[in-house]
N, C-alpha and C. Protein backbone atom coordinates (compact mmCIF):
# COMPACT_ATOMS: atom_id res chain seq x y z
N UNK A 1 0.97 -1.38 -0.13
CA UNK A 1 -0.10 -0.13 -0.01
C UNK A 1 0.79 0.85 0.15
N UNK A 2 0.58 2.26 -1.08
CA UNK A 2 1.64 3.36 -0.94
C UNK A 2 0.50 4.44 -0.95
N UNK A 3 0.95 5.36 0.33
CA UNK A 3 0.15 6.82 -0.02
C UNK A 3 -0.89 7.41 -0.79
N UNK A 4 0.30 7.59 -1.46
CA UNK A 4 -0.32 8.67 -3.14
C UNK A 4 -1.15 7.76 -3.62
N UNK A 5 -1.63 6.33 -3.52
CA UNK A 5 -2.86 5.81 -4.11
C UNK A 5 -4.25 5.76 -3.05
N UNK A 6 -3.77 6.42 -1.97
CA UNK A 6 -4.91 6.02 -1.26
C UNK A 6 -6.15 7.47 -1.42
N UNK A 7 -7.45 6.10 -1.30
CA UNK A 7 -8.43 6.99 -1.59
C UNK A 7 -9.34 6.67 -3.22
N UNK A 8 -8.24 5.80 -4.24
CA UNK A 8 -8.38 5.81 -4.98
C UNK A 8 -9.64 4.62 -5.21
N UNK A 9 -10.29 4.31 -6.44
CA UNK A 9 -11.21 3.41 -6.72
C UNK A 9 -11.24 2.01 -6.02
N UNK A 10 -10.07 1.76 -6.38
CA UNK A 10 -9.66 -0.17 -5.83
C UNK A 10 -9.95 0.39 -4.12
N UNK A 11 -9.66 1.45 -3.41
CA UNK A 11 -9.96 1.26 -2.01
C UNK A 11 -10.88 1.10 -1.92
N UNK A 12 -12.15 2.37 -2.35
CA UNK A 12 -13.35 1.69 -2.13
C UNK A 12 -14.27 0.62 -2.48
N UNK A 13 -13.70 -0.50 -3.47
CA UNK A 13 -13.57 -1.55 -3.89
C UNK A 13 -13.74 -2.84 -2.95
N UNK A 14 -11.81 -2.81 -2.59
CA UNK A 14 -11.62 -3.55 -1.29
C UNK A 14 -12.78 -3.37 -0.52
N UNK A 15 -12.56 -2.28 0.04
CA UNK A 15 -13.48 -1.86 1.48
C UNK A 15 -15.24 -2.54 1.14
N UNK A 16 -15.45 -2.56 -0.10
CA UNK A 16 -17.08 -3.17 -0.06
C UNK A 16 -17.08 -4.62 0.09
N UNK A 17 -16.27 -5.52 -0.86
CA UNK A 17 -15.78 -6.52 -0.11
C UNK A 17 -15.74 -7.06 1.23
N UNK A 18 -14.70 -6.82 1.84
CA UNK A 18 -14.57 -6.73 3.00
C UNK A 18 -16.21 -6.51 4.00
N UNK A 19 -16.95 -5.23 3.39
CA UNK A 19 -17.87 -4.82 4.47
C UNK A 19 -18.92 -6.11 3.93
N UNK A 20 -18.91 -6.69 3.13
CA UNK A 20 -19.97 -7.61 2.47
C UNK A 20 -19.39 -8.70 3.04
N UNK A 21 -18.50 -9.31 3.52
CA UNK A 21 -18.44 -10.76 4.23
C UNK A 21 -18.27 -10.66 5.38
N UNK A 22 -17.95 -9.13 5.97
CA UNK A 22 -18.32 -8.95 7.58
C UNK A 22 -19.70 -9.06 8.16
N UNK A 23 -20.67 -9.04 6.83
CA UNK A 23 -22.47 -8.65 7.57
C UNK A 23 -23.09 -9.43 7.20
N UNK A 24 -22.01 -10.58 6.25
CA UNK A 24 -23.11 -11.48 5.83
C UNK A 24 -24.10 -11.90 6.47
N UNK A 25 -25.47 -12.42 5.93
CA UNK A 25 -26.53 -13.35 6.71
C UNK A 25 -26.27 -14.42 6.33
N UNK A 26 -26.88 -15.51 6.71
CA UNK A 26 -27.21 -15.08 8.54
C UNK A 26 -26.06 -15.12 9.41
N UNK A 27 -25.11 -15.70 8.39
CA UNK A 27 -23.58 -15.35 9.65
C UNK A 27 -22.52 -14.85 8.76
N UNK A 28 -21.80 -13.98 9.22
CA UNK A 28 -20.90 -13.78 8.85
C UNK A 28 -19.84 -14.09 8.22
N UNK A 29 -18.80 -13.93 7.07
CA UNK A 29 -18.22 -14.63 6.35
C UNK A 29 -16.73 -14.04 6.69
N UNK A 30 -16.26 -13.33 7.52
CA UNK A 30 -14.92 -13.06 8.27
C UNK A 30 -14.58 -12.85 9.46
N UNK A 31 -13.75 -13.26 10.01
CA UNK A 31 -14.00 -13.12 11.64
C UNK A 31 -12.58 -12.76 12.38
N UNK A 32 -12.59 -11.66 12.89
CA UNK A 32 -11.97 -11.17 13.60
C UNK A 32 -10.76 -10.49 12.65
N UNK A 33 -10.91 -9.57 11.48
CA UNK A 33 -9.79 -9.48 10.62
C UNK A 33 -9.18 -8.77 11.07
N UNK A 34 -7.80 -8.68 10.54
CA UNK A 34 -7.06 -7.52 10.72
C UNK A 34 -6.53 -7.25 9.41
N UNK A 35 -6.33 -5.76 9.43
CA UNK A 35 -5.80 -5.36 7.99
C UNK A 35 -3.83 -5.36 7.88
N UNK A 36 -3.52 -5.94 6.47
CA UNK A 36 -1.71 -5.62 7.27
C UNK A 36 -1.72 -5.10 5.40
N UNK A 37 -1.41 -3.68 5.93
CA UNK A 37 -1.34 -2.66 5.19
C UNK A 37 -0.23 -2.74 4.06
N UNK A 38 0.78 -3.47 4.29
CA UNK A 38 2.05 -3.91 3.59
C UNK A 38 2.60 -2.33 3.01
N UNK A 39 2.85 -1.26 4.15
CA UNK A 39 3.26 -0.10 3.66
C UNK A 39 4.33 -0.08 2.81
N UNK A 40 4.63 0.77 1.76
CA UNK A 40 5.53 0.45 1.06
C UNK A 40 6.38 2.03 1.62
N UNK A 41 5.92 3.24 2.02
CA UNK A 41 6.36 4.34 2.55
C UNK A 41 5.78 4.73 3.56
N UNK A 42 6.40 4.06 4.49
CA UNK A 42 6.05 4.37 6.14
C UNK A 42 6.05 5.98 6.65
N UNK A 43 6.90 6.76 6.22
CA UNK A 43 7.64 7.83 6.21
C UNK A 43 6.32 8.81 6.27
N UNK A 44 5.42 8.56 5.25
CA UNK A 44 4.50 9.15 4.44
C UNK A 44 3.27 9.23 4.96
N UNK A 45 2.99 7.95 6.01
CA UNK A 45 1.50 7.76 7.24
C UNK A 45 1.77 8.53 8.46
N UNK A 46 0.67 9.10 8.97
CA UNK A 46 0.09 9.40 9.66
C UNK A 46 -0.70 9.33 10.51
N UNK A 47 -1.60 9.51 11.68
CA UNK A 47 -2.72 9.05 11.98
C UNK A 47 -4.14 9.23 11.03
N UNK A 48 -4.07 10.75 10.55
CA UNK A 48 -4.87 11.21 9.56
C UNK A 48 -5.28 9.94 8.43
N UNK A 49 -3.98 9.59 7.80
CA UNK A 49 -3.78 9.18 6.72
C UNK A 49 -4.51 7.31 7.41
N UNK A 50 -4.24 6.60 8.45
CA UNK A 50 -4.52 5.88 9.00
C UNK A 50 -5.94 5.48 8.98
N UNK A 51 -6.61 6.59 9.86
CA UNK A 51 -7.97 6.47 9.91
C UNK A 51 -8.69 6.72 8.08
N UNK A 52 -8.55 7.49 7.34
CA UNK A 52 -9.02 7.56 6.18
C UNK A 52 -9.01 6.28 5.52
N UNK A 53 -7.79 5.34 5.78
CA UNK A 53 -7.58 3.78 4.95
C UNK A 53 -8.72 3.23 5.72
N UNK A 54 -8.58 3.25 7.16
CA UNK A 54 -9.42 2.48 8.00
C UNK A 54 -11.18 2.44 7.36
N UNK A 55 -11.58 3.97 7.51
CA UNK A 55 -12.55 4.66 7.01
C UNK A 55 -12.89 3.85 5.12
N UNK A 56 -12.44 3.27 4.61
CA UNK A 56 -12.12 3.55 2.69
C UNK A 56 -12.55 1.86 2.65
N UNK A 57 -11.75 0.66 4.17
CA UNK A 57 -11.65 -0.54 4.10
C UNK A 57 -13.21 -0.79 5.02
N UNK A 58 -13.39 -0.12 5.62
CA UNK A 58 -15.02 -0.35 6.05
C UNK A 58 -14.52 -1.06 7.36
N UNK A 59 -13.06 -0.86 8.46
CA UNK A 59 -13.18 -1.51 9.21
C UNK A 59 -12.52 -0.50 10.47
N UNK A 60 -12.42 -1.23 11.85
CA UNK A 60 -12.39 -0.42 12.79
C UNK A 60 -10.74 0.03 12.69
N UNK A 61 -10.21 1.52 13.46
CA UNK A 61 -8.84 1.90 13.05
C UNK A 61 -7.79 0.56 13.80
N UNK A 62 -8.01 0.47 15.01
CA UNK A 62 -7.57 -0.59 15.18
C UNK A 62 -7.50 -2.20 14.74
N UNK A 63 -8.09 -2.11 13.66
CA UNK A 63 -7.89 -3.35 13.18
C UNK A 63 -6.99 -3.11 12.09
N UNK A 64 -5.63 -2.15 11.52
CA UNK A 64 -5.06 -1.86 11.21
C UNK A 64 -3.52 -2.38 11.71
N UNK A 65 -2.91 -3.42 11.24
CA UNK A 65 -1.90 -3.53 11.84
C UNK A 65 -0.89 -2.67 11.31
N UNK A 66 -0.28 -2.33 12.38
CA UNK A 66 1.05 -0.82 12.83
C UNK A 66 2.12 -1.36 12.09
N UNK A 67 3.05 -0.67 11.55
CA UNK A 67 4.02 -0.69 10.54
C UNK A 67 5.19 -1.73 11.19
N UNK A 68 6.09 -2.33 10.54
CA UNK A 68 6.49 -3.42 11.13
C UNK A 68 6.25 -4.71 12.03
N UNK A 69 4.62 -4.75 12.96
CA UNK A 69 4.26 -5.43 13.37
C UNK A 69 3.54 -6.52 12.76
N UNK A 70 4.22 -7.99 13.53
CA UNK A 70 3.77 -9.00 13.31
C UNK A 70 2.18 -9.66 13.21
N UNK A 71 1.88 -9.97 12.56
CA UNK A 71 0.10 -9.85 12.10
C UNK A 71 -0.06 -11.09 13.45
N UNK A 72 -1.63 -11.29 14.16
CA UNK A 72 -1.27 -11.91 14.99
C UNK A 72 -1.65 -13.37 14.27
N UNK A 73 -1.96 -14.21 15.40
CA UNK A 73 -1.42 -15.64 14.82
C UNK A 73 -3.19 -16.60 14.54
N UNK A 74 -4.13 -15.61 15.24
CA UNK A 74 -5.85 -16.29 15.45
C UNK A 74 -6.07 -14.88 14.16
N UNK A 75 -7.57 -15.43 13.77
CA UNK A 75 -8.28 -14.71 13.49
C UNK A 75 -7.86 -14.25 11.65
N UNK A 76 -8.88 -13.64 10.76
CA UNK A 76 -8.74 -13.70 9.32
C UNK A 76 -7.75 -12.12 9.37
N UNK A 77 -7.01 -12.39 7.84
CA UNK A 77 -5.93 -11.50 7.49
C UNK A 77 -6.57 -10.47 5.95
N UNK A 78 -6.43 -9.62 6.22
CA UNK A 78 -6.01 -8.81 4.37
C UNK A 78 -5.49 -8.48 4.22
N UNK A 79 -4.21 -8.66 3.32
CA UNK A 79 -3.11 -8.56 3.25
C UNK A 79 -3.48 -7.75 1.40
N UNK A 80 -2.63 -5.93 1.42
CA UNK A 80 -3.04 -5.22 0.89
C UNK A 80 -1.52 -4.76 0.58
N UNK A 81 -0.81 -5.56 -0.43
CA UNK A 81 0.64 -5.39 -1.26
C UNK A 81 -0.11 -4.22 -2.33
N UNK A 82 1.03 -3.51 -2.65
CA UNK A 82 0.84 -2.63 -3.95
C UNK A 82 0.19 -3.59 -5.04
N UNK A 83 1.28 -4.42 -5.53
CA UNK A 83 0.57 -5.24 -6.64
C UNK A 83 -0.04 -6.84 -6.75
N UNK A 84 0.29 -7.31 -5.32
CA UNK A 84 0.02 -8.58 -5.06
C UNK A 84 0.80 -9.78 -5.31
N UNK A 85 0.59 -11.16 -5.49
CA UNK A 85 1.27 -12.02 -5.31
C UNK A 85 2.15 -12.23 -5.98
N UNK A 86 3.66 -12.44 -5.97
CA UNK A 86 4.56 -12.40 -6.78
C UNK A 86 5.77 -13.40 -6.63
N UNK A 87 6.43 -14.16 -6.82
CA UNK A 87 7.30 -15.01 -6.32
C UNK A 87 8.95 -14.53 -5.84
N UNK A 88 9.41 -13.40 -6.10
CA UNK A 88 10.64 -12.80 -5.83
C UNK A 88 9.79 -12.10 -5.00
N UNK A 89 10.60 -11.65 -3.91
CA UNK A 89 10.85 -11.01 -2.46
C UNK A 89 10.57 -9.29 -2.91
N UNK A 90 9.69 -8.37 -2.46
CA UNK A 90 9.83 -7.12 -2.69
C UNK A 90 8.73 -6.38 -2.02
N UNK A 91 9.09 -5.18 -1.73
CA UNK A 91 8.37 -4.05 -0.76
C UNK A 91 6.89 -4.16 -1.59
N UNK A 92 6.69 -4.75 -2.99
CA UNK A 92 5.41 -3.73 -3.73
C UNK A 92 4.21 -5.51 -3.40
N UNK A 93 5.17 -6.48 -3.22
CA UNK A 93 4.62 -8.19 -3.40
C UNK A 93 4.64 -8.75 -2.37
N UNK A 94 3.70 -9.70 -2.31
CA UNK A 94 3.64 -10.97 -0.91
C UNK A 94 4.36 -11.64 -1.74
N UNK A 95 4.94 -12.97 -1.43
CA UNK A 95 5.27 -14.30 -1.99
C UNK A 95 4.48 -15.71 -1.12
N UNK A 96 4.62 -16.44 -2.55
CA UNK A 96 3.60 -17.27 -1.70
C UNK A 96 3.95 -18.23 -0.48
N UNK A 97 5.28 -18.17 -0.58
CA UNK A 97 5.86 -18.64 0.74
C UNK A 97 5.34 -17.77 2.06
N UNK A 98 5.22 -16.31 2.00
CA UNK A 98 5.00 -15.22 3.02
C UNK A 98 3.57 -16.10 3.56
N UNK A 99 2.92 -16.33 1.97
CA UNK A 99 1.27 -16.60 2.38
C UNK A 99 1.37 -17.94 3.02
N UNK A 100 2.18 -18.53 2.59
CA UNK A 100 1.90 -20.15 3.41
C UNK A 100 2.06 -20.02 4.71
N UNK A 101 2.75 -18.89 4.91
CA UNK A 101 3.31 -19.29 6.45
C UNK A 101 2.58 -18.62 7.45
N UNK A 102 1.36 -17.57 6.93
CA UNK A 102 0.78 -16.56 7.61
C UNK A 102 -0.80 -18.25 7.76
N UNK A 103 -0.85 -19.18 6.98
CA UNK A 103 -1.74 -19.85 7.14
C UNK A 103 -1.58 -20.45 8.25
N UNK A 104 -0.39 -21.30 7.82
CA UNK A 104 0.46 -22.01 8.74
C UNK A 104 0.35 -21.60 10.58
N UNK A 105 0.37 -20.31 10.58
CA UNK A 105 0.50 -19.28 12.33
C UNK A 105 -0.84 -20.01 12.66
N UNK A 106 -1.40 -20.19 12.21
CA UNK A 106 -2.92 -20.01 12.97
C UNK A 106 -2.90 -21.78 13.22
N UNK A 107 -2.92 -21.80 14.88
CA UNK A 107 -3.35 -22.95 14.79
C UNK A 107 -4.24 -24.28 14.65
N UNK A 108 -5.75 -22.86 14.64
CA UNK A 108 -6.94 -23.70 14.19
C UNK A 108 -6.60 -24.47 12.62
N UNK A 109 -6.12 -23.66 12.16
CA UNK A 109 -6.11 -23.65 10.61
C UNK A 109 -7.65 -23.46 9.48
N UNK A 110 -8.63 -22.43 10.24
CA UNK A 110 -9.37 -21.99 9.77
C UNK A 110 -8.98 -20.44 9.73
N UNK A 111 -8.05 -20.17 9.41
CA UNK A 111 -8.00 -18.55 9.15
C UNK A 111 -8.09 -18.68 7.11
N UNK A 112 -8.68 -17.51 7.18
CA UNK A 112 -9.02 -17.13 5.83
C UNK A 112 -7.92 -16.05 5.21
N UNK A 113 -7.59 -15.56 4.42
CA UNK A 113 -6.46 -14.72 4.19
C UNK A 113 -6.99 -14.12 2.75
N UNK A 114 -7.42 -12.59 2.70
CA UNK A 114 -7.66 -12.28 1.51
C UNK A 114 -6.61 -11.35 1.07
N UNK A 115 -5.99 -11.80 -0.17
CA UNK A 115 -4.91 -10.68 -0.90
C UNK A 115 -5.59 -9.64 -1.81
N UNK A 116 -5.19 -8.42 -1.78
CA UNK A 116 -5.75 -7.96 -3.28
C UNK A 116 -4.49 -8.01 -4.57
N UNK A 117 -5.32 -8.08 -5.50
CA UNK A 117 -4.24 -8.35 -6.58
C UNK A 117 -4.38 -7.32 -7.71
N UNK A 118 -3.10 -6.56 -7.76
CA UNK A 118 -3.77 -5.69 -9.01
C UNK A 118 -3.41 -6.30 -10.44
N UNK A 119 -4.59 -5.03 -11.51
CA UNK A 119 -4.32 -5.85 -12.55
C UNK A 119 -3.99 -4.75 -13.51
N UNK A 120 -3.34 -5.38 -14.56
CA UNK A 120 -2.65 -4.25 -15.74
C UNK A 120 -3.67 -4.05 -16.75
N UNK A 121 -4.28 -3.14 -16.89
CA UNK A 121 -4.85 -2.50 -18.20
C UNK A 121 -4.63 -2.78 -19.76
N UNK A 122 -5.67 -3.20 -20.31
CA UNK A 122 -5.18 -3.63 -21.73
C UNK A 122 -5.49 -5.48 -21.82
N UNK A 123 -5.58 -5.63 -20.52
CA UNK A 123 -5.38 -7.02 -20.40
C UNK A 123 -7.09 -8.00 -21.23
N UNK A 124 -6.53 -9.24 -21.85
CA UNK A 124 -8.23 -9.43 -21.71
C UNK A 124 -8.29 -10.43 -20.83
N UNK A 125 -10.33 -10.35 -20.34
CA UNK A 125 -10.48 -11.20 -19.84
C UNK A 125 -9.71 -12.88 -19.30
N UNK A 126 -9.40 -13.31 -20.29
CA UNK A 126 -8.66 -14.64 -20.52
C UNK A 126 -7.55 -15.09 -20.20
N UNK A 127 -6.95 -13.53 -20.26
CA UNK A 127 -5.15 -13.66 -20.03
C UNK A 127 -5.34 -13.16 -18.60
N UNK A 128 -6.28 -12.60 -18.45
CA UNK A 128 -6.00 -12.34 -16.62
C UNK A 128 -6.59 -13.25 -15.71
N UNK A 129 -7.81 -13.96 -16.18
CA UNK A 129 -7.63 -15.08 -15.26
C UNK A 129 -6.69 -15.66 -15.29
N UNK A 130 -6.24 -16.60 -16.62
CA UNK A 130 -5.03 -17.47 -16.33
C UNK A 130 -3.84 -16.83 -15.71
N UNK A 131 -3.44 -15.61 -15.48
CA UNK A 131 -2.40 -15.31 -14.79
C UNK A 131 -2.94 -15.40 -13.20
N UNK A 132 -4.13 -15.01 -13.16
CA UNK A 132 -3.98 -15.27 -11.40
C UNK A 132 -4.61 -16.59 -11.34
N UNK A 133 -5.31 -17.61 -12.24
CA UNK A 133 -4.61 -19.11 -11.62
C UNK A 133 -3.57 -19.83 -11.35
N UNK A 134 -2.77 -18.91 -12.36
CA UNK A 134 -0.89 -19.41 -12.25
C UNK A 134 -0.58 -19.15 -10.54
N UNK A 135 -1.29 -17.71 -10.53
CA UNK A 135 -0.40 -16.86 -8.72
C UNK A 135 -1.12 -18.15 -7.48
N UNK A 136 -2.37 -18.68 -8.02
CA UNK A 136 -3.00 -19.37 -6.95
C UNK A 136 -1.82 -21.04 -7.06
N UNK A 137 -1.66 -21.43 -8.07
CA UNK A 137 -0.73 -22.30 -8.24
C UNK A 137 0.38 -22.48 -8.04
N UNK A 138 1.01 -21.21 -7.72
CA UNK A 138 2.44 -20.85 -7.09
C UNK A 138 2.01 -21.15 -5.29
N UNK A 139 1.10 -20.50 -4.78
CA UNK A 139 0.59 -20.69 -3.82
C UNK A 139 0.98 -22.34 -2.82
N UNK A 140 -0.01 -23.18 -3.94
CA UNK A 140 -0.59 -24.03 -3.67
C UNK A 140 0.92 -25.30 -3.73
N UNK A 141 1.41 -24.74 -4.78
CA UNK A 141 2.88 -25.15 -5.38
C UNK A 141 4.13 -25.17 -3.69
N UNK A 142 3.78 -23.69 -3.27
CA UNK A 142 4.99 -23.39 -1.99
C UNK A 142 4.87 -24.87 -0.94
N UNK A 143 6.01 -25.24 -1.06
CA UNK A 143 5.74 -26.15 0.39
C UNK A 143 6.86 -25.81 1.64
N UNK A 144 6.03 -25.95 2.63
CA UNK A 144 5.96 -25.31 3.99
C UNK A 144 6.08 -26.68 5.07
N UNK A 145 7.63 -26.67 5.70
CA UNK A 145 8.00 -28.05 6.72
C UNK A 145 6.76 -27.87 7.67
N UNK A 146 5.75 -29.22 7.72
CA UNK A 146 5.17 -29.33 8.88
C UNK A 146 4.10 -28.50 8.40
N UNK A 147 3.52 -27.72 7.31
CA UNK A 147 2.35 -27.44 7.30
C UNK A 147 0.99 -28.59 6.61
N UNK A 148 0.06 -27.80 6.87
CA UNK A 148 -1.11 -28.88 6.15
C UNK A 148 -0.94 -28.87 4.75
N UNK A 149 -1.15 -29.61 4.28
CA UNK A 149 -0.86 -30.46 2.70
C UNK A 149 -2.36 -29.76 1.54
N UNK A 150 -3.79 -29.77 2.56
CA UNK A 150 -5.44 -29.09 1.60
C UNK A 150 -5.10 -28.07 1.92
N UNK A 151 -4.95 -26.96 0.49
CA UNK A 151 -5.23 -25.75 0.59
C UNK A 151 -6.23 -25.71 -0.55
N UNK A 152 -7.46 -24.35 -0.13
CA UNK A 152 -8.33 -24.18 -0.72
C UNK A 152 -7.90 -22.46 -1.28
N UNK A 153 -8.57 -22.29 -2.25
CA UNK A 153 -8.68 -20.93 -3.14
C UNK A 153 -9.99 -20.62 -3.74
N UNK A 154 -9.82 -19.30 -3.72
CA UNK A 154 -10.81 -18.39 -4.84
C UNK A 154 -10.97 -17.60 -5.17
N UNK A 155 -11.03 -17.28 -6.36
CA UNK A 155 -10.75 -16.13 -6.97
C UNK A 155 -11.91 -15.00 -7.45
N UNK A 156 -11.94 -13.68 -6.62
CA UNK A 156 -12.91 -12.64 -7.23
C UNK A 156 -12.18 -12.20 -8.49
N UNK A 157 -12.71 -12.10 -9.59
CA UNK A 157 -11.85 -11.54 -10.53
C UNK A 157 -12.71 -10.53 -11.47
N UNK A 158 -12.35 -9.07 -10.60
CA UNK A 158 -12.99 -8.41 -11.87
C UNK A 158 -12.39 -6.96 -12.82
N UNK A 159 -11.64 -8.24 -13.41
CA UNK A 159 -10.73 -7.31 -14.30
C UNK A 159 -9.52 -6.48 -13.97
N UNK A 160 -9.82 -5.16 -13.42
CA UNK A 160 -8.23 -4.25 -13.46
C UNK A 160 -7.92 -4.83 -11.74
N UNK A 161 -8.55 -5.37 -11.51
CA UNK A 161 -8.72 -6.03 -9.68
C UNK A 161 -8.85 -7.06 -9.43
N UNK A 162 -8.75 -7.71 -8.53
CA UNK A 162 -8.78 -9.26 -7.95
C UNK A 162 -8.81 -9.59 -6.98
N UNK A 163 -9.41 -9.82 -5.70
CA UNK A 163 -9.52 -10.62 -4.34
C UNK A 163 -9.20 -12.17 -4.50
N UNK A 164 -7.97 -12.17 -3.98
CA UNK A 164 -7.60 -13.80 -4.09
C UNK A 164 -7.75 -13.87 -2.14
N UNK A 165 -8.50 -15.49 -2.08
CA UNK A 165 -9.13 -16.38 -1.12
C UNK A 165 -8.40 -17.40 -0.93
N UNK A 166 -7.41 -17.63 0.65
CA UNK A 166 -7.07 -18.80 0.65
C UNK A 166 -7.02 -19.07 1.85
N UNK A 167 -7.45 -20.43 2.61
CA UNK A 167 -7.67 -21.38 3.52
C UNK A 167 -7.64 -22.69 3.46
N UNK A 168 -7.51 -23.33 4.66
CA UNK A 168 -7.49 -24.65 4.62
C UNK A 168 -8.76 -24.86 5.24
N UNK A 169 -9.50 -24.61 5.28
CA UNK A 169 -10.96 -24.57 5.43
C UNK A 169 -11.73 -24.73 3.88
N UNK A 170 -12.05 -25.65 3.75
CA UNK A 170 -12.57 -25.70 2.74
C UNK A 170 -14.29 -24.95 2.69
N UNK A 171 -14.86 -25.36 3.79
CA UNK A 171 -15.70 -24.85 4.21
C UNK A 171 -15.79 -23.48 4.25
N UNK A 172 -15.23 -22.85 4.51
CA UNK A 172 -14.90 -21.43 4.53
C UNK A 172 -15.37 -20.61 3.03
N UNK A 173 -14.10 -21.16 2.29
CA UNK A 173 -14.01 -20.69 0.90
C UNK A 173 -14.62 -21.05 0.00
N UNK A 174 -15.67 -22.36 -0.06
CA UNK A 174 -16.91 -22.19 -0.24
C UNK A 174 -17.86 -21.33 -0.20
N UNK A 175 -18.58 -20.91 1.31
CA UNK A 175 -19.35 -20.22 1.58
C UNK A 175 -19.04 -18.69 1.15
N UNK A 176 -17.70 -18.64 0.98
CA UNK A 176 -17.62 -17.32 0.32
C UNK A 176 -17.69 -16.86 -1.06
N UNK A 177 -17.36 -18.25 -1.48
CA UNK A 177 -17.64 -18.06 -3.24
C UNK A 177 -19.01 -18.32 -3.52
N UNK A 178 -19.97 -19.20 -2.61
CA UNK A 178 -21.02 -19.21 -2.86
C UNK A 178 -21.98 -17.72 -2.50
N UNK A 179 -21.21 -16.97 -1.78
CA UNK A 179 -21.90 -15.54 -1.48
C UNK A 179 -21.54 -14.28 -2.21
N UNK A 180 -20.43 -14.92 -3.18
CA UNK A 180 -20.15 -13.52 -4.13
C UNK A 180 -20.64 -14.01 -5.36
N UNK A 181 -21.14 -15.10 -5.74
CA UNK A 181 -21.87 -15.72 -6.55
C UNK A 181 -23.10 -15.00 -7.01
N UNK A 182 -23.88 -14.61 -5.05
CA UNK A 182 -25.31 -13.82 -5.55
C UNK A 182 -24.69 -12.30 -5.89
N UNK A 183 -23.79 -12.08 -5.49
CA UNK A 183 -23.99 -10.30 -5.72
C UNK A 183 -23.32 -10.30 -6.80
N UNK A 184 -22.47 -10.86 -7.46
CA UNK A 184 -22.42 -10.84 -8.99
C UNK A 184 -23.32 -10.18 -10.32
N UNK A 185 -23.54 -9.43 -10.84
CA UNK A 185 -24.49 -9.37 -11.63
C UNK A 185 -25.06 -10.55 -12.59
N UNK A 186 -26.29 -10.58 -12.80
CA UNK A 186 -26.26 -11.71 -14.00
C UNK A 186 -26.02 -11.32 -14.81
N UNK A 187 -25.03 -11.67 -15.49
CA UNK A 187 -25.02 -11.11 -17.00
C UNK A 187 -23.96 -11.75 -17.48
N UNK A 188 -23.94 -12.76 -18.68
CA UNK A 188 -23.23 -13.13 -19.22
C UNK A 188 -22.02 -12.43 -19.96
N UNK A 189 -22.08 -11.18 -19.71
CA UNK A 189 -21.32 -10.46 -20.54
C UNK A 189 -20.06 -9.56 -19.20
N UNK A 190 -20.64 -9.56 -18.04
CA UNK A 190 -19.97 -8.71 -17.10
C UNK A 190 -18.55 -9.42 -16.83
N UNK A 191 -17.52 -8.37 -16.95
CA UNK A 191 -16.56 -9.32 -16.43
C UNK A 191 -15.96 -9.38 -15.23
N UNK A 192 -16.75 -9.42 -14.84
CA UNK A 192 -16.77 -10.18 -12.62
C UNK A 192 -16.63 -11.83 -13.33
N UNK A 193 -15.79 -11.97 -12.17
CA UNK A 193 -15.90 -13.79 -12.48
C UNK A 193 -15.21 -14.29 -11.08
N UNK A 194 -15.92 -15.36 -10.67
CA UNK A 194 -15.57 -16.01 -8.91
C UNK A 194 -15.00 -17.81 -9.27
N UNK A 195 -14.06 -18.00 -8.91
CA UNK A 195 -13.54 -19.35 -9.10
C UNK A 195 -12.81 -20.12 -7.89
N UNK A 196 -13.35 -21.19 -7.71
CA UNK A 196 -12.87 -21.88 -6.45
C UNK A 196 -11.51 -22.78 -6.78
N UNK A 197 -10.50 -22.80 -6.21
CA UNK A 197 -10.01 -24.17 -6.55
C UNK A 197 -9.30 -25.13 -5.31
N UNK A 198 -8.55 -25.45 -5.46
CA UNK A 198 -8.22 -26.83 -4.24
C UNK A 198 -7.11 -27.47 -4.27
N UNK A 199 -6.19 -27.78 -3.77
CA UNK A 199 -5.22 -28.70 -4.24
C UNK A 199 -5.13 -29.34 -2.61
């Protein structure tokens, strides 16, 4: 997350998804969510910007993890890198290994991790979907000593942006998938897509 993009349309989009999942009926689909902003320009952030960020995401200010603090070992996580998932470590990305480590850090193995994935403009829907599936497969293929083998994922693809969901709980991923399908426009020409994957 970079402060120069604070308040853009993507922040509103992220917040709408989080809010819908946290207020879903009859039971909310996110539990005790912590936002990991993955800030790339920490010197540019202040209390006011953190407050604006929390409002855009529709979460309480205390749900935003402080700079360089470790995420909690329980509860769901929203990771907000500048760009998304990438195999090479950088300030703008989260790696497949880091995702698996955060999943394995939850002793209940029930945690859901949401990750914002930015999309390049001008891509066809088919190419974009293929790239997203490749990123999910990279997380599936990452091996962590002592980690659980069965991982499940869902992709909410809105072309210029996507939300990736990962969990060891197939039931939780399935409920999220079912709910997101209900709120998608009933239009075969829509560029929004939801896909569930397991390994």
